[in-house]
C-alpha atoms as a PDB file:
ATOM      1  CA  UNK A   1     119.521  84.003  87.292  1.00  0.00           C
ATOM      2  CA  UNK A   2     119.781  85.871  84.165  1.00  0.00           C
ATOM      3  CA  UNK A   3     116.535  87.303  81.933  1.00  0.00           C
ATOM      4  CA  UNK A   4     115.511  86.726  78.476  1.00  0.00           C
ATOM      5  CA  UNK A   5     114.751  89.659  76.186  1.00  0.00           C
ATOM      6  CA  UNK A   6     111.295  90.706  76.910  1.00  0.00           C
ATOM      7  CA  UNK A   7     108.386  91.022  74.544  1.00  0.00           C
ATOM      8  CA  UNK A   8     108.084  94.620  73.163  1.00  0.00           C
ATOM      9  CA  UNK A   9     106.129  96.979  75.607  1.00  0.00           C
ATOM     10  CA  UNK A  10     102.888  96.917  73.737  1.00  0.00           C
ATOM     11  CA  UNK A  11     102.524  92.640  73.986  1.00  0.00           C
ATOM     12  CA  UNK A  12     103.363  93.063  77.793  1.00  0.00           C
ATOM     13  CA  UNK A  13     100.309  93.577  79.087  1.00  0.00           C
ATOM     14  CA  UNK A  14      98.622  91.188  76.482  1.00  0.00           C
ATOM     15  CA  UNK A  15     101.011  88.535  77.448  1.00  0.00           C
ATOM     16  CA  UNK A  16     100.941  88.914  81.446  1.00  0.00           C
ATOM     17  CA  UNK A  17     101.422  85.409  83.176  1.00  0.00           C
ATOM     18  CA  UNK A  18      98.329  84.625  84.916  1.00  0.00           C
ATOM     19  CA  UNK A  19     101.068  82.920  87.911  1.00  0.00           C
ATOM     20  CA  UNK A  20     102.435  86.388  88.557  1.00  0.00           C
ATOM     21  CA  UNK A  21     100.866  86.597  91.564  1.00  0.00           C
ATOM     22  CA  UNK A  22     103.462  84.018  92.426  1.00  0.00           C
ATOM     23  CA  UNK A  23     105.510  86.446  93.543  1.00  0.00           C
ATOM     24  CA  UNK A  24     102.956  87.707  96.170  1.00  0.00           C
ATOM     25  CA  UNK A  25     103.018  83.966  97.942  1.00  0.00           C
ATOM     26  CA  UNK A  26     106.908  83.916  97.607  1.00  0.00           C
ATOM     27  CA  UNK A  27     107.330  87.364  99.486  1.00  0.00           C
ATOM     28  CA  UNK A  28     104.630  86.638 101.615  1.00  0.00           C
ATOM     29  CA  UNK A  29     105.882  83.138 102.988  1.00  0.00           C
ATOM     30  CA  UNK A  30     109.720  84.708 103.085  1.00  0.00           C
ATOM     31  CA  UNK A  31     108.451  87.410 105.152  1.00  0.00           C
ATOM     32  CA  UNK A  32     106.610  85.097 107.172  1.00  0.00           C
ATOM     33  CA  UNK A  33     109.267  82.784 107.524  1.00  0.00           C
ATOM     34  CA  UNK A  34     111.996  85.511 108.580  1.00  0.00           C
ATOM     35  CA  UNK A  35     109.625  86.647 111.146  1.00  0.00           C
ATOM     36  CA  UNK A  36     109.613  83.027 112.843  1.00  0.00           C
ATOM     37  CA  UNK A  37     113.252  82.878 112.697  1.00  0.00           C
ATOM     38  CA  UNK A  38     113.790  86.218 114.486  1.00  0.00           C
ATOM     39  CA  UNK A  39     114.540  88.575 111.974  1.00  0.00           C
ATOM     40  CA  UNK A  40     111.785  91.195 112.167  1.00  0.00           C
ATOM     41  CA  UNK A  41     112.596  94.002 110.271  1.00  0.00           C
ATOM     42  CA  UNK A  42     114.162  91.996 107.073  1.00  0.00           C
ATOM     43  CA  UNK A  43     109.845  90.611 107.725  1.00  0.00           C
ATOM     44  CA  UNK A  44     108.231  93.970 107.958  1.00  0.00           C
ATOM     45  CA  UNK A  45     110.425  95.351 104.711  1.00  0.00           C
ATOM     46  CA  UNK A  46     109.301  92.341 102.989  1.00  0.00           C
ATOM     47  CA  UNK A  47     105.474  93.412 104.121  1.00  0.00           C
ATOM     48  CA  UNK A  48     105.742  96.720 102.436  1.00  0.00           C
ATOM     49  CA  UNK A  49     107.400  95.467  99.273  1.00  0.00           C
ATOM     50  CA  UNK A  50     104.485  92.510  99.199  1.00  0.00           C
ATOM     51  CA  UNK A  51     102.078  94.919  99.251  1.00  0.00           C
ATOM     52  CA  UNK A  52     103.268  97.088  97.016  1.00  0.00           C
ATOM     53  CA  UNK A  53     103.750  93.734  94.571  1.00  0.00           C
ATOM     54  CA  UNK A  54      99.846  93.158  95.128  1.00  0.00           C
ATOM     55  CA  UNK A  55      98.620  96.496  94.134  1.00  0.00           C
ATOM     56  CA  UNK A  56     100.441  96.826  91.026  1.00  0.00           C
ATOM     57  CA  UNK A  57      99.410  93.009  89.658  1.00  0.00           C
ATOM     58  CA  UNK A  58      95.920  94.172  90.415  1.00  0.00           C
ATOM     59  CA  UNK A  59      96.295  97.391  88.511  1.00  0.00           C
ATOM     60  CA  UNK A  60      97.785  95.534  85.655  1.00  0.00           C
ATOM     61  CA  UNK A  61      95.380  92.804  85.705  1.00  0.00           C
ATOM     62  CA  UNK A  62      92.770  95.118  85.541  1.00  0.00           C
ATOM     63  CA  UNK A  63      94.264  97.079  82.732  1.00  0.00           C
ATOM     64  CA  UNK A  64      94.726  93.516  81.226  1.00  0.00           C
ATOM     65  CA  UNK A  65      90.953  92.605  81.546  1.00  0.00           C
ATOM     66  CA  UNK A  66      89.646  95.897  80.230  1.00  0.00           C
ATOM     67  CA  UNK A  67      92.037  96.051  77.186  1.00  0.00           C
ATOM     68  CA  UNK A  68      92.597  92.425  76.173  1.00  0.00           C
ATOM     69  CA  UNK A  69      90.024  90.299  77.499  1.00  0.00           C
ATOM     70  CA  UNK A  70      90.052  87.768  75.162  1.00  0.00           C
ATOM     71  CA  UNK A  71      93.246  86.958  76.036  1.00  0.00           C
ATOM     72  CA  UNK A  72      92.181  86.895  79.313  1.00  0.00           C
ATOM     73  CA  UNK A  73      89.249  84.534  78.287  1.00  0.00           C
ATOM     74  CA  UNK A  74      91.796  82.737  76.763  1.00  0.00           C
ATOM     75  CA  UNK A  75      94.305  81.793  79.813  1.00  0.00           C
ATOM     76  CA  UNK A  76      91.124  80.655  81.600  1.00  0.00           C
ATOM     77  CA  UNK A  77      90.201  77.824  79.638  1.00  0.00           C
ATOM     78  CA  UNK A  78      93.725  77.163  78.787  1.00  0.00           C
ATOM     79  CA  UNK A  79      95.157  74.142  80.411  1.00  0.00           C
ATOM     80  CA  UNK A  80      98.577  75.109  81.048  1.00  0.00           C
ATOM     81  CA  UNK A  81      98.155  78.466  82.047  1.00  0.00           C
ATOM     82  CA  UNK A  82      94.375  78.329  83.478  1.00  0.00           C
ATOM     83  CA  UNK A  83      95.760  76.961  86.532  1.00  0.00           C
ATOM     84  CA  UNK A  84      98.038  80.034  87.240  1.00  0.00           C
ATOM     85  CA  UNK A  85      95.058  82.184  88.273  1.00  0.00           C
ATOM     86  CA  UNK A  86      94.841  80.285  91.279  1.00  0.00           C
ATOM     87  CA  UNK A  87      97.998  82.593  92.459  1.00  0.00           C
ATOM     88  CA  UNK A  88      95.364  85.231  92.794  1.00  0.00           C
ATOM     89  CA  UNK A  89      93.701  83.166  95.488  1.00  0.00           C
ATOM     90  CA  UNK A  90      97.004  82.013  97.347  1.00  0.00           C
ATOM     91  CA  UNK A  91      98.383  85.417  97.166  1.00  0.00           C
ATOM     92  CA  UNK A  92      95.790  87.112  98.607  1.00  0.00           C
ATOM     93  CA  UNK A  93      95.605  84.584 101.196  1.00  0.00           C
ATOM     94  CA  UNK A  94      99.043  84.645 102.311  1.00  0.00           C
ATOM     95  CA  UNK A  95      99.481  88.147 102.400  1.00  0.00           C
ATOM     96  CA  UNK A  96      96.573  87.699 104.824  1.00  0.00           C
ATOM     97  CA  UNK A  97      98.602  85.740 106.698  1.00  0.00           C
ATOM     98  CA  UNK A  98     101.555  88.192 106.843  1.00  0.00           C
ATOM     99  CA  UNK A  99      99.491  91.295 107.675  1.00  0.00           C
ATOM    100  CA  UNK A 100      98.217  89.279 110.483  1.00  0.00           C
ATOM    101  CA  UNK A 101     101.299  87.733 112.018  1.00  0.00           C
ATOM    102  CA  UNK A 102     103.246  91.055 111.353  1.00  0.00           C
ATOM    103  CA  UNK A 103     101.125  93.726 113.246  1.00  0.00           C
ATOM    104  CA  UNK A 104      98.932  94.628 110.298  1.00  0.00           C
ATOM    105  CA  UNK A 105      95.438  95.798 110.871  1.00  0.00           C
ATOM    106  CA  UNK A 106      93.305  93.160 111.392  1.00  0.00           C
ATOM    107  CA  UNK A 107      90.681  94.352 109.216  1.00  0.00           C
ATOM    108  CA  UNK A 108      92.890  93.982 106.656  1.00  0.00           C
ATOM    109  CA  UNK A 109      93.359  90.162 107.074  1.00  0.00           C
ATOM    110  CA  UNK A 110      89.640  90.050 107.427  1.00  0.00           C
ATOM    111  CA  UNK A 111      89.321  91.882 103.835  1.00  0.00           C
ATOM    112  CA  UNK A 112      92.004  89.731 102.200  1.00  0.00           C
ATOM    113  CA  UNK A 113      90.236  86.531 103.430  1.00  0.00           C
ATOM    114  CA  UNK A 114      87.329  87.446 102.208  1.00  0.00           C
ATOM    115  CA  UNK A 115      88.884  88.447  98.834  1.00  0.00           C
ATOM    116  CA  UNK A 116      90.689  84.612  98.668  1.00  0.00           C
ATOM    117  CA  UNK A 117      87.121  82.964  99.326  1.00  0.00           C
ATOM    118  CA  UNK A 118      85.330  85.104  97.031  1.00  0.00           C
ATOM    119  CA  UNK A 119      88.495  84.426  94.441  1.00  0.00           C
ATOM    120  CA  UNK A 120      88.605  80.920  95.397  1.00  0.00           C
ATOM    121  CA  UNK A 121      84.965  79.948  94.437  1.00  0.00           C
ATOM    122  CA  UNK A 122      84.760  82.300  91.123  1.00  0.00           C
ATOM    123  CA  UNK A 123      87.913  80.589  89.895  1.00  0.00           C
ATOM    124  CA  UNK A 124      88.011  76.855  91.723  1.00  0.00           C
ATOM    125  CA  UNK A 125      84.393  76.650  89.748  1.00  0.00           C
ATOM    126  CA  UNK A 126      84.769  78.694  86.781  1.00  0.00           C
ATOM    127  CA  UNK A 127      88.181  76.800  85.530  1.00  0.00           C
ATOM    128  CA  UNK A 128      87.181  73.385  86.004  1.00  0.00           C
ATOM    129  CA  UNK A 129      83.679  73.483  84.917  1.00  0.00           C
ATOM    130  CA  UNK A 130      85.557  75.580  81.775  1.00  0.00           C
ATOM    131  CA  UNK A 131      88.417  72.722  81.420  1.00  0.00           C
ATOM    132  CA  UNK A 132      85.814  70.006  81.698  1.00  0.00           C
ATOM    133  CA  UNK A 133      83.589  71.390  78.810  1.00  0.00           C
ATOM    134  CA  UNK A 134      86.343  72.431  76.751  1.00  0.00           C
ATOM    135  CA  UNK A 135      85.530  70.443  73.384  1.00  0.00           C
ATOM    136  CA  UNK A 136      89.544  70.163  72.433  1.00  0.00           C
ATOM    137  CA  UNK A 137      91.437  69.410  75.230  1.00  0.00           C
ATOM    138  CA  UNK A 138      95.418  68.087  75.003  1.00  0.00           C
ATOM    139  CA  UNK A 139      96.828  65.233  75.881  1.00  0.00           C
ATOM    140  CA  UNK A 140      97.783  64.222  79.700  1.00  0.00           C
ATOM    141  CA  UNK A 141     101.839  64.489  79.278  1.00  0.00           C
ATOM    142  CA  UNK A 142     100.837  67.858  77.358  1.00  0.00           C
ATOM    143  CA  UNK A 143      98.052  69.328  79.850  1.00  0.00           C
ATOM    144  CA  UNK A 144      98.686  68.590  83.194  1.00  0.00           C
ATOM    145  CA  UNK A 145     101.723  70.191  85.284  1.00  0.00           C
ATOM    146  CA  UNK A 146     102.567  71.043  88.990  1.00  0.00           C
ATOM    147  CA  UNK A 147     100.719  74.582  88.127  1.00  0.00           C
ATOM    148  CA  UNK A 148      97.583  72.376  88.689  1.00  0.00           C
ATOM    149  CA  UNK A 149      98.653  71.896  92.136  1.00  0.00           C
ATOM    150  CA  UNK A 150      98.127  75.583  92.665  1.00  0.00           C
ATOM    151  CA  UNK A 151      94.186  74.526  93.348  1.00  0.00           C
ATOM    152  CA  UNK A 152      95.534  72.805  96.331  1.00  0.00           C
ATOM    153  CA  UNK A 153      97.743  75.717  97.532  1.00  0.00           C
ATOM    154  CA  UNK A 154      94.625  78.221  97.282  1.00  0.00           C
ATOM    155  CA  UNK A 155      92.364  75.753  98.900  1.00  0.00           C
ATOM    156  CA  UNK A 156      94.660  75.209 102.053  1.00  0.00           C
ATOM    157  CA  UNK A 157      95.082  79.057 102.135  1.00  0.00           C
ATOM    158  CA  UNK A 158      91.905  79.692 102.971  1.00  0.00           C
ATOM    159  CA  UNK A 159      92.109  77.410 105.687  1.00  0.00           C
ATOM    160  CA  UNK A 160      95.316  78.702 107.188  1.00  0.00           C
ATOM    161  CA  UNK A 161      94.160  82.728 107.197  1.00  0.00           C
ATOM    162  CA  UNK A 162      90.699  81.565 108.505  1.00  0.00           C
ATOM    163  CA  UNK A 163      92.894  79.791 111.313  1.00  0.00           C
ATOM    164  CA  UNK A 164      95.027  82.833 112.211  1.00  0.00           C
ATOM    165  CA  UNK A 165      91.750  84.723 112.083  1.00  0.00           C
ATOM    166  CA  UNK A 166      90.005  82.422 114.242  1.00  0.00           C
ATOM    167  CA  UNK A 167      90.706  83.323 117.921  1.00  0.00           C
ATOM    168  CA  UNK A 168      89.781  87.048 117.836  1.00  0.00           C
ATOM    169  CA  UNK A 169      86.119  86.023 116.684  1.00  0.00           C
ATOM    170  CA  UNK A 170      82.718  85.626 118.641  1.00  0.00           C
ATOM    171  CA  UNK A 171      82.516  82.127 119.861  1.00  0.00           C
ATOM    172  CA  UNK A 172      79.792  81.353 117.051  1.00  0.00           C
ATOM    173  CA  UNK A 173      81.812  82.533 114.023  1.00  0.00           C
ATOM    174  CA  UNK A 174      84.640  81.099 115.722  1.00  0.00           C
ATOM    175  CA  UNK A 175      83.444  77.697 115.537  1.00  0.00           C
ATOM    176  CA  UNK A 176      82.169  78.433 111.586  1.00  0.00           C
ATOM    177  CA  UNK A 177      85.757  79.213 110.513  1.00  0.00           C
ATOM    178  CA  UNK A 178      87.320  76.260 112.535  1.00  0.00           C
ATOM    179  CA  UNK A 179      84.819  74.144 110.621  1.00  0.00           C
ATOM    180  CA  UNK A 180      85.330  75.818 107.130  1.00  0.00           C
ATOM    181  CA  UNK A 181      89.227  75.388 107.705  1.00  0.00           C
ATOM    182  CA  UNK A 182      88.613  71.753 108.495  1.00  0.00           C
ATOM    183  CA  UNK A 183      86.384  70.736 105.448  1.00  0.00           C
ATOM    184  CA  UNK A 184      88.776  72.712 103.533  1.00  0.00           C
ATOM    185  CA  UNK A 185      91.828  71.318 104.399  1.00  0.00           C
ATOM    186  CA  UNK A 186      90.594  67.853 103.975  1.00  0.00           C
ATOM    187  CA  UNK A 187      88.958  68.778 100.820  1.00  0.00           C
ATOM    188  CA  UNK A 188      92.581  70.300  99.601  1.00  0.00           C
ATOM    189  CA  UNK A 189      93.895  67.028 100.836  1.00  0.00           C
ATOM    190  CA  UNK A 190      91.812  65.110  98.369  1.00  0.00           C
ATOM    191  CA  UNK A 191      92.695  67.490  95.613  1.00  0.00           C
ATOM    192  CA  UNK A 192      95.812  66.635  95.975  1.00  0.00           C
ATOM    193  CA  UNK A 193      95.746  62.989  95.433  1.00  0.00           C
ATOM    194  CA  UNK A 194      93.786  63.679  92.152  1.00  0.00           C
ATOM    195  CA  UNK A 195      96.122  66.139  90.762  1.00  0.00           C
ATOM    196  CA  UNK A 196      99.096  64.394  92.122  1.00  0.00           C
ATOM    197  CA  UNK A 197      98.098  60.739  90.818  1.00  0.00           C
ATOM    198  CA  UNK A 198      98.239  62.349  87.381  1.00  0.00           C
ATOM    199  CA  UNK A 199     101.426  64.228  87.673  1.00  0.00           C
ATOM    200  CA  UNK A 200     102.939  60.885  89.169  1.00  0.00           C
ATOM    201  CA  UNK A 201     101.574  59.069  85.773  1.00  0.00           C
ATOM    202  CA  UNK A 202     102.919  61.441  83.772  1.00  0.00           C
ATOM    203  CA  UNK A 203     106.318  61.721  85.369  1.00  0.00           C
ATOM    204  CA  UNK A 204     106.905  58.281  84.995  1.00  0.00           C
ATOM    205  CA  UNK A 205     105.030  56.987  81.780  1.00  0.00           C
ATOM    206  CA  UNK A 206     105.524  59.621  79.275  1.00  0.00           C
ATOM    207  CA  UNK A 207     109.118  61.026  77.895  1.00  0.00           C
ATOM    208  CA  UNK A 208     109.704  63.943  80.084  1.00  0.00           C
ATOM    209  CA  UNK A 209     112.367  66.381  78.169  1.00  0.00           C
ATOM    210  CA  UNK A 210     114.336  68.622  80.165  1.00  0.00           C
ATOM    211  CA  UNK A 211     112.049  71.720  79.228  1.00  0.00           C
ATOM    212  CA  UNK A 212     108.702  70.263  80.193  1.00  0.00           C
ATOM    213  CA  UNK A 213     110.330  70.101  83.755  1.00  0.00           C
ATOM    214  CA  UNK A 214     109.326  73.762  84.262  1.00  0.00           C
ATOM    215  CA  UNK A 215     109.819  75.112  87.864  1.00  0.00           C
ATOM    216  CA  UNK A 216     106.131  75.118  89.540  1.00  0.00           C
ATOM    217  CA  UNK A 217     106.890  70.891  90.041  1.00  0.00           C
ATOM    218  CA  UNK A 218     108.429  72.554  93.110  1.00  0.00           C
ATOM    219  CA  UNK A 219     104.632  73.030  93.928  1.00  0.00           C
ATOM    220  CA  UNK A 220     104.491  68.765  94.332  1.00  0.00           C
ATOM    221  CA  UNK A 221     105.963  69.801  97.804  1.00  0.00           C
ATOM    222  CA  UNK A 222     104.714  73.271  98.264  1.00  0.00           C
ATOM    223  CA  UNK A 223     101.349  71.738  98.344  1.00  0.00           C
ATOM    224  CA  UNK A 224     101.893  69.536 100.802  1.00  0.00           C
ATOM    225  CA  UNK A 225     103.602  72.213 103.211  1.00  0.00           C
ATOM    226  CA  UNK A 226     100.584  74.469 102.938  1.00  0.00           C
ATOM    227  CA  UNK A 227      98.687  71.247 104.200  1.00  0.00           C
ATOM    228  CA  UNK A 228     100.800  70.618 106.747  1.00  0.00           C
ATOM    229  CA  UNK A 229     100.750  74.363 108.040  1.00  0.00           C
ATOM    230  CA  UNK A 230      96.914  74.284 108.263  1.00  0.00           C
ATOM    231  CA  UNK A 231      97.074  70.826 109.888  1.00  0.00           C
ATOM    232  CA  UNK A 232      99.047  72.237 112.575  1.00  0.00           C
ATOM    233  CA  UNK A 233      97.320  75.632 113.329  1.00  0.00           C
ATOM    234  CA  UNK A 234      93.509  72.961 113.371  1.00  0.00           C
ATOM    235  CA  UNK A 235      96.098  70.830 115.948  1.00  0.00           C
ATOM    236  CA  UNK A 236      96.981  73.974 118.003  1.00  0.00           C
ATOM    237  CA  UNK A 237      92.942  75.046 117.659  1.00  0.00           C
ATOM    238  CA  UNK A 238      91.594  72.762 119.241  1.00  0.00           C
ATOM    239  CA  UNK A 239      91.323  74.340 122.766  1.00  0.00           C
ATOM    240  CA  UNK A 240      89.023  76.945 121.287  1.00  0.00           C
ATOM    241  CA  UNK A 241      86.977  74.289 119.208  1.00  0.00           C
ATOM    242  CA  UNK A 242      85.466  71.491 121.187  1.00  0.00           C
ATOM    243  CA  UNK A 243      84.502  69.437 118.087  1.00  0.00           C
ATOM    244  CA  UNK A 244      88.095  69.431 116.945  1.00  0.00           C
ATOM    245  CA  UNK A 245      89.254  67.288 120.768  1.00  0.00           C
ATOM    246  CA  UNK A 246      88.069  63.647 118.882  1.00  0.00           C
ATOM    247  CA  UNK A 247      89.745  64.507 115.957  1.00  0.00           C
ATOM    248  CA  UNK A 248      92.916  65.352 117.515  1.00  0.00           C
ATOM    249  CA  UNK A 249      94.734  61.918 116.804  1.00  0.00           C
ATOM    250  CA  UNK A 250      93.201  61.715 112.952  1.00  0.00           C
ATOM    251  CA  UNK A 251      94.686  65.659 112.427  1.00  0.00           C
ATOM    252  CA  UNK A 252      97.522  65.332 113.760  1.00  0.00           C
ATOM    253  CA  UNK A 253      98.336  61.897 111.756  1.00  0.00           C
ATOM    254  CA  UNK A 254      97.161  63.459 108.822  1.00  0.00           C
ATOM    255  CA  UNK A 255      99.453  66.133 109.085  1.00  0.00           C
ATOM    256  CA  UNK A 256     102.204  64.323 109.440  1.00  0.00           C
ATOM    257  CA  UNK A 257     101.468  62.185 106.408  1.00  0.00           C
ATOM    258  CA  UNK A 258     101.444  65.592 104.430  1.00  0.00           C
ATOM    259  CA  UNK A 259     104.704  66.694 105.798  1.00  0.00           C
ATOM    260  CA  UNK A 260     106.242  63.332 105.238  1.00  0.00           C
ATOM    261  CA  UNK A 261     104.998  63.767 101.745  1.00  0.00           C
ATOM    262  CA  UNK A 262     106.183  67.157 100.982  1.00  0.00           C
ATOM    263  CA  UNK A 263     109.573  65.892 102.844  1.00  0.00           C
ATOM    264  CA  UNK A 264     109.886  62.876 100.052  1.00  0.00           C
ATOM    265  CA  UNK A 265     109.479  64.802  97.390  1.00  0.00           C
ATOM    266  CA  UNK A 266     112.771  67.296  98.099  1.00  0.00           C
ATOM    267  CA  UNK A 267     115.236  64.906  96.648  1.00  0.00           C
ATOM    268  CA  UNK A 268     113.907  63.886  94.175  1.00  0.00           C
ATOM    269  CA  UNK A 269     113.095  67.744  92.969  1.00  0.00           C
ATOM    270  CA  UNK A 270     116.829  68.578  93.698  1.00  0.00           C
ATOM    271  CA  UNK A 271     117.770  65.754  91.316  1.00  0.00           C
ATOM    272  CA  UNK A 272     115.812  66.250  88.330  1.00  0.00           C
ATOM    273  CA  UNK A 273     116.795  70.115  89.130  1.00  0.00           C
ATOM    274  CA  UNK A 274     120.515  68.645  88.294  1.00  0.00           C
ATOM    275  CA  UNK A 275     119.549  66.946  85.344  1.00  0.00           C
ATOM    276  CA  UNK A 276     117.699  70.409  84.061  1.00  0.00           C
ATOM    277  CA  UNK A 277     119.932  72.492  84.219  1.00  0.00           C
ATOM    278  CA  UNK A 278     123.695  70.788  84.868  1.00  0.00           C
ATOM    279  CA  UNK A 279     122.982  67.513  82.730  1.00  0.00           C
ATOM    280  CA  UNK A 280     120.607  68.722  79.940  1.00  0.00           C
ATOM    281  CA  UNK A 281     122.067  72.659  80.482  1.00  0.00           C
ATOM    282  CA  UNK A 282     119.038  74.327  80.488  1.00  0.00           C
ATOM    283  CA  UNK A 283     119.652  77.960  81.352  1.00  0.00           C
ATOM    284  CA  UNK A 284     118.290  79.707  84.451  1.00  0.00           C
ATOM    285  CA  UNK A 285     116.369  82.614  82.934  1.00  0.00           C
ATOM    286  CA  UNK A 286     114.002  84.619  84.751  1.00  0.00           C
ATOM    287  CA  UNK A 287     110.339  83.157  83.997  1.00  0.00           C
ATOM    288  CA  UNK A 288     107.441  84.320  86.404  1.00  0.00           C
ATOM    289  CA  UNK A 289     106.827  80.458  86.952  1.00  0.00           C
ATOM    290  CA  UNK A 290     110.106  80.457  89.258  1.00  0.00           C
ATOM    291  CA  UNK A 291     108.083  82.410  91.942  1.00  0.00           C
ATOM    292  CA  UNK A 292     106.721  78.868  92.061  1.00  0.00           C
ATOM    293  CA  UNK A 293     109.811  77.260  93.168  1.00  0.00           C
ATOM    294  CA  UNK A 294     110.349  80.000  95.851  1.00  0.00           C
ATOM    295  CA  UNK A 295     107.306  79.972  97.836  1.00  0.00           C
ATOM    296  CA  UNK A 296     107.556  76.258  98.497  1.00  0.00           C
ATOM    297  CA  UNK A 297     110.797  76.385 100.252  1.00  0.00           C
ATOM    298  CA  UNK A 298     109.491  79.642 102.419  1.00  0.00           C
ATOM    299  CA  UNK A 299     106.574  77.159 102.926  1.00  0.00           C
ATOM    300  CA  UNK A 300     108.366  74.511 103.943  1.00  0.00           C
ATOM    301  CA  UNK A 301     110.474  76.273 106.648  1.00  0.00           C
ATOM    302  CA  UNK A 302     106.985  77.614 108.388  1.00  0.00           C
ATOM    303  CA  UNK A 303     105.278  74.763 108.585  1.00  0.00           C
ATOM    304  CA  UNK A 304     107.950  72.879 109.749  1.00  0.00           C
ATOM    305  CA  UNK A 305     108.570  75.329 112.370  1.00  0.00           C
ATOM    306  CA  UNK A 306     104.699  75.230 113.427  1.00  0.00           C
ATOM    307  CA  UNK A 307     104.855  71.524 113.281  1.00  0.00           C
ATOM    308  CA  UNK A 308     107.782  71.581 115.690  1.00  0.00           C
ATOM    309  CA  UNK A 309     105.567  73.411 118.264  1.00  0.00           C
ATOM    310  CA  UNK A 310     102.302  71.414 117.326  1.00  0.00           C
ATOM    311  CA  UNK A 311     103.741  67.804 118.110  1.00  0.00           C
ATOM    312  CA  UNK A 312     106.799  68.693 120.052  1.00  0.00           C
ATOM    313  CA  UNK A 313     109.078  67.631 117.721  1.00  0.00           C
ATOM    314  CA  UNK A 314     112.318  69.393 118.873  1.00  0.00           C
ATOM    315  CA  UNK A 315     114.924  66.985 116.999  1.00  0.00           C
ATOM    316  CA  UNK A 316     113.406  69.031 113.175  1.00  0.00           C
ATOM    317  CA  UNK A 317     114.777  72.262 114.632  1.00  0.00           C
ATOM    318  CA  UNK A 318     117.440  72.529 112.191  1.00  0.00           C
ATOM    319  CA  UNK A 319     115.425  72.188 109.214  1.00  0.00           C
ATOM    320  CA  UNK A 320     113.602  75.849 109.512  1.00  0.00           C
ATOM    321  CA  UNK A 321     116.821  77.704 109.641  1.00  0.00           C
ATOM    322  CA  UNK A 322     118.077  75.586 106.535  1.00  0.00           C
ATOM    323  CA  UNK A 323     115.307  76.155 104.038  1.00  0.00           C
ATOM    324  CA  UNK A 324     114.704  79.804 105.613  1.00  0.00           C
ATOM    325  CA  UNK A 325     117.874  80.569 104.281  1.00  0.00           C
ATOM    326  CA  UNK A 326     117.779  78.432 100.799  1.00  0.00           C
ATOM    327  CA  UNK A 327     114.466  80.748 100.499  1.00  0.00           C
ATOM    328  CA  UNK A 328     115.982  83.979 101.077  1.00  0.00           C
ATOM    329  CA  UNK A 329     118.522  83.458  98.528  1.00  0.00           C
ATOM    330  CA  UNK A 330     115.725  81.806  96.247  1.00  0.00           C
ATOM    331  CA  UNK A 331     113.762  84.928  96.389  1.00  0.00           C
ATOM    332  CA  UNK A 332     116.774  87.055  96.156  1.00  0.00           C
ATOM    333  CA  UNK A 333     117.953  85.588  92.743  1.00  0.00           C
ATOM    334  CA  UNK A 334     113.989  85.352  91.418  1.00  0.00           C
ATOM    335  CA  UNK A 335     113.685  89.205  92.671  1.00  0.00           C
ATOM    336  CA  UNK A 336     116.871  90.414  90.776  1.00  0.00           C
ATOM    337  CA  UNK A 337     115.796  88.692  87.438  1.00  0.00           C
ATOM    338  CA  UNK A 338     112.607  90.719  87.814  1.00  0.00           C
ATOM    339  CA  UNK A 339     114.428  93.632  88.345  1.00  0.00           C
ATOM    340  CA  UNK A 340     116.166  92.962  85.252  1.00  0.00           C
ATOM    341  CA  UNK A 341     113.340  92.138  83.075  1.00  0.00           C
ATOM    342  CA  UNK A 342     111.953  95.557  84.281  1.00  0.00           C
ATOM    343  CA  UNK A 343     115.397  97.271  83.626  1.00  0.00           C
ATOM    344  CA  UNK A 344     115.216  95.872  80.176  1.00  0.00           C
ATOM    345  CA  UNK A 345     111.190  97.097  79.861  1.00  0.00           C
ATOM    346  CA  UNK A 346     112.535 100.540  80.436  1.00  0.00           C
ATOM    347  CA  UNK A 347     115.270 100.625  78.439  1.00  0.00           C
ATOM    348  CA  UNK A 348     113.398 100.012  75.690  1.00  0.00           C
ATOM    349  CA  UNK A 349     111.173 102.994  76.450  1.00  0.00           C
ATOM    350  CA  UNK A 350     113.827 105.476  75.522  1.00  0.00           C
END
């Protein structure tokens, strides 16, 4: 993947993409996939990388808010860039899962869950309220994209991290955490249906140029993959949460529904990728949005791994290594593009 010439350094902070936390999402889920597939050293190495990325991005975000507040507000109320802020929510949740699963401090995971919830409340109601009350709005084909599904991913990230934290909580808080995870899991599914209806309508009834088919459309699959993961964790939590017992057949059915829906997208997204880059010859150039294509591959590997355990579907065992490998390769390409971009900025300083 090549990189375009970056903007001058004095403009880089002002132009910082709200979707940059997608690299935290992608790095975290690839690390978890490596952990589940038996590569603990690489998984822990990516945990260190992800902590550095997370802290660094928050420093840049705070600096941008201090120095370019008007640009931040403009992004928050923009139909194209606004949903990218949900990567902050999902990135915090995925990093919390990564810490917990790879033996990090439980306190860190709890703190990240709290941050995830706070950011979700702030951004979900802030962004959707701003977009709803906005006086001038784009047409559907100009305003909707796969980036909007990051709202679903953000919602499900709270459910996933909450389910991972629940077993270590006292009985009362554990029940509350399981109930919150169930409620958010159901809400995330409803939100996906709303947004995906608009995206599918945009796909099929408006002209779609190759340049319009940006990498976040892979979130079409990724949002279903993380919903599947949340469902498998709820299924496996039924022994510790009695109120889930009568709901288990429903949860299992919807979990499989989510997985099947996400799986359906994969061949179509591959075909559209060939059309975009091979037939229409849109070059592969580094963009923070490409992390939105890495994350779904890693999440599909992880959710399928857990689905196999939860529903005893061992004939699917070949899928997690396949998609885990694809996710690692995609992460390497995206990270290489990032390093190339940083290198160009560094050379500009000389």
